[in-house]
């Protein structure tokens, strides 16, 4: 692809450290601003974002730092709880993190004097992804290189464990049916589990390996997407267990796949962090080529804004935001 198609970020926010992971909250927090958390080497920063597309009095992006959580070890994944509210007195901030010490930490803060970190232990290898149950936030699901998917309650008790056939790389909860969980494995299989019977009810096959990241389109749950080796693949789960569409994405291995929350035909993929830059591709199912090609210095993480067609990746002391013009 010609270099002139590469677009610099629409907005950037400076950070004090390398950003390993970044997550917009997918839930309404009762504020016109969007909650955003990013993780560095030893801390998590929670703040709010407002963009000029939301407020004409803002020049580009306004980031307000709410609290810094001392983490002690590098942050590898972040998941937001739907219980997080900024319109309560006192406010409630709740999220989970994973780290290389194989522990999950559940953080709860009132943004004042009370901050609690509950540690959950049980995984025996690297934890790749985790997610809150989206209706009430009373459960957390995690997947690991230890070939398990585990479900936890907020007291740190492991309530369900699924044995996988290869490392678990992604886990997603159905947005309306809290008894359905999607688990993606590195060997190319995606399974949907019924949490009541604790059995798989459907599986998808990517046809090749390694599958590095998968996501469930929460605005249209018949769509599932993933990155496998260099390619992105899309399934329609009502039609076939094999991909409906598959296209080359990145020259080097692809790393992340995420559906937009604002448009069911929009999704983004990232390449593996290289020595200098990481590639971001924003795709639209109606276009044969990416609609945005972006680049960030050694980028990490990928997340979409809750209502805008805007995604963010982290990098070397920066957050990079790309707005998609639809």
Protein backbone atom coordinates (compact mmCIF):
# COMPACT_ATOMS: atom_id res chain seq x y z
CA UNK A 1 0.00 0.00 0.00
CA UNK A 2 1.32 3.47 -0.79
CA UNK A 3 2.76 5.44 2.12
CA UNK A 4 0.47 8.43 1.54
CA UNK A 5 -2.41 6.39 2.93
CA UNK A 6 -0.76 6.36 6.37
CA UNK A 7 -2.52 8.81 8.67
CA UNK A 8 -1.10 10.30 11.81
CA UNK A 9 -3.24 10.12 14.93
CA UNK A 10 -6.22 12.48 15.14
CA UNK A 11 -5.35 13.27 18.76
CA UNK A 12 -2.58 12.41 21.22
CA UNK A 13 -2.32 12.60 25.01
CA UNK A 14 1.09 12.60 26.70
CA UNK A 15 1.81 10.09 29.47
CA UNK A 16 4.70 9.79 31.89
CA UNK A 17 5.62 6.22 31.01
CA UNK A 18 5.33 3.58 28.31
CA UNK A 19 1.68 2.50 27.93
CA UNK A 20 1.26 -1.28 27.77
CA UNK A 21 -2.55 -1.44 27.67
CA UNK A 22 -5.41 1.04 27.29
CA UNK A 23 -9.17 0.55 27.72
CA UNK A 24 -12.17 2.82 27.26
CA UNK A 25 -15.01 1.86 29.59
CA UNK A 26 -17.74 0.24 27.44
CA UNK A 27 -20.38 1.24 30.00
CA UNK A 28 -22.35 4.40 30.66
CA UNK A 29 -20.75 5.91 33.78
CA UNK A 30 -23.31 8.69 34.24
CA UNK A 31 -20.95 11.38 32.94
CA UNK A 32 -20.81 13.09 29.52
CA UNK A 33 -17.09 12.25 29.48
CA UNK A 34 -15.73 8.77 28.70
CA UNK A 35 -13.73 6.83 31.24
CA UNK A 36 -10.33 5.61 30.10
CA UNK A 37 -7.73 3.53 31.95
CA UNK A 38 -4.18 2.87 30.83
CA UNK A 39 -1.48 0.74 32.37
CA UNK A 40 2.23 1.40 32.58
CA UNK A 41 5.13 -0.46 34.15
CA UNK A 42 3.98 -0.06 37.76
CA UNK A 43 0.71 1.85 37.79
CA UNK A 44 -2.75 2.34 36.28
CA UNK A 45 -4.05 5.81 35.42
CA UNK A 46 -7.82 6.35 35.34
CA UNK A 47 -9.14 9.50 33.70
CA UNK A 48 -11.91 10.96 31.59
CA UNK A 49 -11.79 11.98 27.92
CA UNK A 50 -13.84 14.53 26.00
CA UNK A 51 -13.36 15.15 22.29
CA UNK A 52 -14.29 18.09 20.10
CA UNK A 53 -16.82 15.86 18.33
CA UNK A 54 -18.71 15.77 21.65
CA UNK A 55 -18.15 19.33 22.82
CA UNK A 56 -17.40 22.17 20.39
CA UNK A 57 -15.69 24.18 23.13
CA UNK A 58 -12.89 21.59 23.26
CA UNK A 59 -10.08 22.11 20.73
CA UNK A 60 -9.21 18.44 20.19
CA UNK A 61 -9.12 16.21 23.29
CA UNK A 62 -9.42 17.00 26.98
CA UNK A 63 -8.00 14.35 29.31
CA UNK A 64 -8.60 14.69 33.05
CA UNK A 65 -6.56 12.49 35.36
CA UNK A 66 -8.83 11.16 38.14
CA UNK A 67 -6.55 8.78 40.04
CA UNK A 68 -3.25 6.90 39.76
CA UNK A 69 -3.26 3.35 41.17
CA UNK A 70 0.10 1.97 42.25
CA UNK A 71 0.34 -1.51 40.72
CA UNK A 72 3.86 -2.69 41.59
CA UNK A 73 4.24 -4.79 38.44
CA UNK A 74 3.63 -4.19 34.75
CA UNK A 75 -0.03 -4.01 33.77
CA UNK A 76 -0.97 -6.43 30.97
CA UNK A 77 -4.77 -6.22 30.71
CA UNK A 78 -7.58 -4.03 32.05
CA UNK A 79 -11.33 -4.70 32.26
CA UNK A 80 -13.98 -2.19 33.39
CA UNK A 81 -16.90 -3.01 35.68
CA UNK A 82 -20.42 -1.81 34.77
CA UNK A 83 -20.73 -0.79 38.44
CA UNK A 84 -18.40 2.16 37.81
CA UNK A 85 -20.38 5.40 38.20
CA UNK A 86 -19.28 9.02 38.31
CA UNK A 87 -22.80 10.34 39.07
CA UNK A 88 -22.96 8.70 42.52
CA UNK A 89 -21.90 10.29 45.79
CA UNK A 90 -19.28 9.15 46.41
CA UNK A 91 -18.33 8.00 42.90
CA UNK A 92 -17.45 4.33 42.32
CA UNK A 93 -14.46 3.30 40.19
CA UNK A 94 -14.10 -0.46 39.72
CA UNK A 95 -11.88 -2.35 37.29
CA UNK A 96 -9.64 -5.42 37.08
CA UNK A 97 -6.06 -5.81 35.97
CA UNK A 98 -3.74 -8.70 35.16
CA UNK A 99 0.02 -8.81 35.46
CA UNK A 100 2.96 -11.08 34.72
CA UNK A 101 2.79 -12.42 38.30
CA UNK A 102 -0.30 -14.43 37.17
CA UNK A 103 -2.59 -12.56 39.56
CA UNK A 104 -5.83 -10.68 38.95
CA UNK A 105 -6.36 -7.50 40.93
CA UNK A 106 -9.83 -6.08 41.53
CA UNK A 107 -9.62 -2.34 42.21
CA UNK A 108 -12.39 -0.33 43.88
CA UNK A 109 -12.06 3.38 44.64
CA UNK A 110 -14.28 6.33 45.62
CA UNK A 111 -11.66 8.76 44.15
CA UNK A 112 -11.13 10.08 47.68
CA UNK A 113 -9.58 8.18 50.57
CA UNK A 114 -10.91 4.68 50.02
CA UNK A 115 -9.10 2.39 47.59
CA UNK A 116 -9.18 -1.40 47.81
CA UNK A 117 -7.23 -3.94 45.77
CA UNK A 118 -8.36 -7.56 46.04
CA UNK A 119 -5.94 -10.15 44.67
CA UNK A 120 -7.28 -13.27 42.93
CA UNK A 121 -4.94 -16.23 42.50
CA UNK A 122 -5.38 -19.51 40.67
CA UNK A 123 -3.97 -19.21 37.16
CA UNK A 124 -0.64 -20.99 36.78
CA UNK A 125 0.58 -19.13 33.70
CA UNK A 126 0.31 -15.78 31.92
CA UNK A 127 -3.21 -14.28 31.88
CA UNK A 128 -4.00 -12.93 28.40
CA UNK A 129 -7.42 -11.30 28.74
CA UNK A 130 -10.27 -10.72 31.17
CA UNK A 131 -13.77 -9.24 31.14
CA UNK A 132 -16.57 -8.34 33.55
CA UNK A 133 -20.06 -9.78 33.24
CA UNK A 134 -21.74 -6.75 31.62
CA UNK A 135 -25.18 -6.64 33.26
CA UNK A 136 -24.36 -6.34 36.96
CA UNK A 137 -20.59 -6.80 37.10
CA UNK A 138 -20.75 -9.54 39.72
CA UNK A 139 -18.48 -11.98 37.84
CA UNK A 140 -15.15 -11.82 36.02
CA UNK A 141 -13.91 -14.22 33.32
CA UNK A 142 -10.22 -14.68 32.49
CA UNK A 143 -8.20 -16.75 30.01
CA UNK A 144 -4.61 -17.85 30.32
CA UNK A 145 -1.66 -19.66 28.79
CA UNK A 146 -2.42 -22.36 31.39
CA UNK A 147 -5.14 -23.69 29.02
CA UNK A 148 -8.04 -22.55 31.22
CA UNK A 149 -10.88 -20.07 31.23
CA UNK A 150 -11.91 -19.24 34.80
CA UNK A 151 -14.92 -17.40 36.17
CA UNK A 152 -14.57 -15.55 39.50
CA UNK A 153 -16.92 -13.83 41.90
CA UNK A 154 -16.03 -10.47 43.44
CA UNK A 155 -14.75 -12.14 46.60
CA UNK A 156 -12.03 -13.80 44.54
CA UNK A 157 -13.57 -17.26 44.53
CA UNK A 158 -13.19 -19.32 41.34
CA UNK A 159 -16.73 -20.47 40.53
CA UNK A 160 -16.26 -22.13 37.10
CA UNK A 161 -13.24 -23.43 35.20
CA UNK A 162 -13.16 -24.60 31.58
CA UNK A 163 -10.25 -26.72 30.39
CA UNK A 164 -9.03 -25.47 27.00
CA UNK A 165 -7.02 -27.32 24.36
CA UNK A 166 -4.49 -24.52 23.90
CA UNK A 167 -3.74 -21.11 25.48
CA UNK A 168 -6.80 -18.90 25.89
CA UNK A 169 -6.26 -15.54 24.18
CA UNK A 170 -9.63 -13.70 24.35
CA UNK A 171 -12.84 -13.90 26.35
CA UNK A 172 -16.11 -11.99 25.72
CA UNK A 173 -19.44 -12.00 27.53
CA UNK A 174 -22.72 -11.84 25.61
CA UNK A 175 -24.15 -8.33 26.10
CA UNK A 176 -27.67 -9.51 27.01
CA UNK A 177 -27.44 -13.19 27.91
CA UNK A 178 -25.11 -13.44 30.92
CA UNK A 179 -25.10 -17.24 30.63
CA UNK A 180 -23.13 -17.15 27.35
CA UNK A 181 -19.37 -16.71 27.16
CA UNK A 182 -17.08 -16.70 24.12
CA UNK A 183 -13.54 -18.07 24.50
CA UNK A 184 -10.88 -17.90 21.77
CA UNK A 185 -7.90 -20.26 21.75
CA UNK A 186 -4.49 -19.83 20.15
CA UNK A 187 -4.90 -23.02 18.11
CA UNK A 188 -7.63 -21.34 16.06
CA UNK A 189 -10.83 -22.44 17.79
CA UNK A 190 -13.49 -20.16 19.27
CA UNK A 191 -16.04 -21.76 21.56
CA UNK A 192 -19.26 -20.45 23.09
CA UNK A 193 -20.06 -21.81 26.53
CA UNK A 194 -23.31 -22.04 28.45
CA UNK A 195 -22.40 -21.10 32.02
CA UNK A 196 -25.42 -22.95 33.43
CA UNK A 197 -24.63 -26.36 31.90
CA UNK A 198 -20.89 -25.53 31.67
CA UNK A 199 -20.76 -27.06 28.19
CA UNK A 200 -19.72 -25.68 24.81
CA UNK A 201 -22.78 -24.95 22.66
CA UNK A 202 -21.05 -23.76 19.46
CA UNK A 203 -17.55 -23.66 18.03
CA UNK A 204 -15.85 -21.76 15.19
CA UNK A 205 -12.69 -22.78 13.35
CA UNK A 206 -10.28 -20.22 11.89
CA UNK A 207 -8.66 -22.77 9.61
CA UNK A 208 -5.10 -21.71 10.47
CA UNK A 209 -2.95 -20.58 13.41
CA UNK A 210 -1.98 -18.80 15.58
CA UNK A 211 -5.17 -17.04 16.57
CA UNK A 212 -4.00 -14.06 18.65
CA UNK A 213 -7.16 -12.07 19.40
CA UNK A 214 -10.92 -12.37 18.86
CA UNK A 215 -13.92 -10.15 19.56
CA UNK A 216 -17.71 -10.53 19.61
CA UNK A 217 -19.60 -7.73 17.85
CA UNK A 218 -21.77 -6.58 20.72
CA UNK A 219 -24.05 -4.47 18.50
CA UNK A 220 -24.74 -7.47 16.23
CA UNK A 221 -23.92 -10.70 18.04
CA UNK A 222 -24.02 -12.94 14.95
CA UNK A 223 -20.65 -11.41 13.98
CA UNK A 224 -17.35 -12.61 15.40
CA UNK A 225 -13.95 -11.42 14.24
CA UNK A 226 -10.35 -12.41 14.89
CA UNK A 227 -6.77 -11.99 13.76
CA UNK A 228 -4.97 -15.20 12.83
CA UNK A 229 -1.32 -15.09 11.73
CA UNK A 230 -1.26 -12.08 9.34
CA UNK A 231 -4.96 -12.17 8.43
CA UNK A 232 -8.26 -10.90 9.79
CA UNK A 233 -11.25 -13.23 9.64
CA UNK A 234 -14.99 -12.68 10.16
CA UNK A 235 -17.68 -15.25 10.99
CA UNK A 236 -21.45 -15.12 10.73
CA UNK A 237 -22.25 -17.62 13.48
CA UNK A 238 -25.69 -18.36 12.00
CA UNK A 239 -24.21 -19.53 8.69
CA UNK A 240 -21.04 -21.53 9.19
CA UNK A 241 -18.38 -22.55 11.66
CA UNK A 242 -15.80 -21.45 9.06
CA UNK A 243 -15.00 -17.81 8.32
CA UNK A 244 -17.32 -15.91 6.01
CA UNK A 245 -14.52 -13.54 5.07
CA UNK A 246 -10.74 -13.68 5.37
CA UNK A 247 -8.21 -11.13 4.18
CA UNK A 248 -4.55 -10.33 4.63
CA UNK A 249 -4.09 -7.63 7.23
CA UNK A 250 -0.53 -7.05 8.42
CA UNK A 251 2.86 -7.81 6.90
CA UNK A 252 4.03 -9.12 10.25
CA UNK A 253 1.83 -11.06 12.64
CA UNK A 254 -1.39 -9.37 13.70
CA UNK A 255 -1.91 -8.76 17.42
CA UNK A 256 -5.38 -7.32 18.27
CA UNK A 257 -8.89 -7.39 16.80
CA UNK A 258 -11.63 -5.10 18.17
CA UNK A 259 -15.11 -4.24 16.86
CA UNK A 260 -16.28 -0.65 17.02
CA UNK A 261 -19.07 -0.04 19.54
CA UNK A 262 -20.52 2.75 17.36
CA UNK A 263 -20.78 0.90 14.01
CA UNK A 264 -21.23 -2.86 13.53
CA UNK A 265 -19.33 -2.78 10.21
CA UNK A 266 -16.24 -1.07 11.62
CA UNK A 267 -13.33 -2.86 13.27
CA UNK A 268 -9.64 -2.32 13.94
CA UNK A 269 -6.57 -4.56 13.95
CA UNK A 270 -3.02 -3.95 15.08
CA UNK A 271 0.23 -5.56 14.06
CA UNK A 272 2.74 -6.94 16.52
CA UNK A 273 4.78 -4.16 18.13
CA UNK A 274 7.91 -3.81 16.04
CA UNK A 275 11.24 -2.30 16.95
CA UNK A 276 10.10 1.19 15.94
CA UNK A 277 6.42 1.35 14.98
CA UNK A 278 3.21 -0.63 15.25
CA UNK A 279 0.58 -0.56 12.53
CA UNK A 280 -3.08 0.17 13.16
CA UNK A 281 -5.61 -0.72 10.47
CA UNK A 282 -9.24 0.42 10.64
CA UNK A 283 -11.49 -1.62 8.35
CA UNK A 284 -15.07 -1.24 7.14
CA UNK A 285 -16.87 -4.35 5.89
CA UNK A 286 -18.16 -2.36 2.91
CA UNK A 287 -14.66 -1.36 1.73
CA UNK A 288 -12.06 -3.68 0.18
CA UNK A 289 -9.12 -1.70 1.62
CA UNK A 290 -8.55 -0.34 5.14
CA UNK A 291 -10.21 3.05 5.66
CA UNK A 292 -7.36 4.15 7.97
CA UNK A 293 -3.75 3.06 8.16
CA UNK A 294 -2.08 4.46 11.24
CA UNK A 295 1.26 4.04 12.94
CA UNK A 296 2.35 4.50 16.56
CA UNK A 297 5.74 4.21 18.20
CA UNK A 298 5.87 0.66 19.58
CA UNK A 299 2.13 0.64 20.15
CA UNK A 300 0.30 -1.61 22.60
CA UNK A 301 -3.36 -2.22 23.40
CA UNK A 302 -6.43 -1.30 21.36
CA UNK A 303 -9.83 -0.02 22.43
CA UNK A 304 -12.87 1.75 20.94
CA UNK A 305 -14.83 4.67 22.35
CA UNK A 306 -18.30 3.75 23.61
CA UNK A 307 -20.25 5.98 21.18
CA UNK A 308 -17.80 7.58 18.73
CA UNK A 309 -16.07 5.82 15.79
CA UNK A 310 -12.77 6.51 17.54
CA UNK A 311 -10.12 4.05 18.70
CA UNK A 312 -7.03 4.37 20.87
CA UNK A 313 -3.72 2.54 21.20
CA UNK A 314 -0.94 3.14 23.70
CA UNK A 315 2.71 3.71 22.98
CA UNK A 316 5.91 5.31 24.19
CA UNK A 317 4.65 7.91 26.71
CA UNK A 318 1.61 8.64 24.57
CA UNK A 319 -1.97 7.68 23.85
CA UNK A 320 -2.85 7.81 20.13
CA UNK A 321 -6.47 8.35 19.05
CA UNK A 322 -7.84 7.88 15.52
CA UNK A 323 -11.25 9.22 14.49
CA UNK A 324 -12.89 7.42 11.55
CA UNK A 325 -14.86 9.60 9.15
CA UNK A 326 -17.84 7.49 8.11
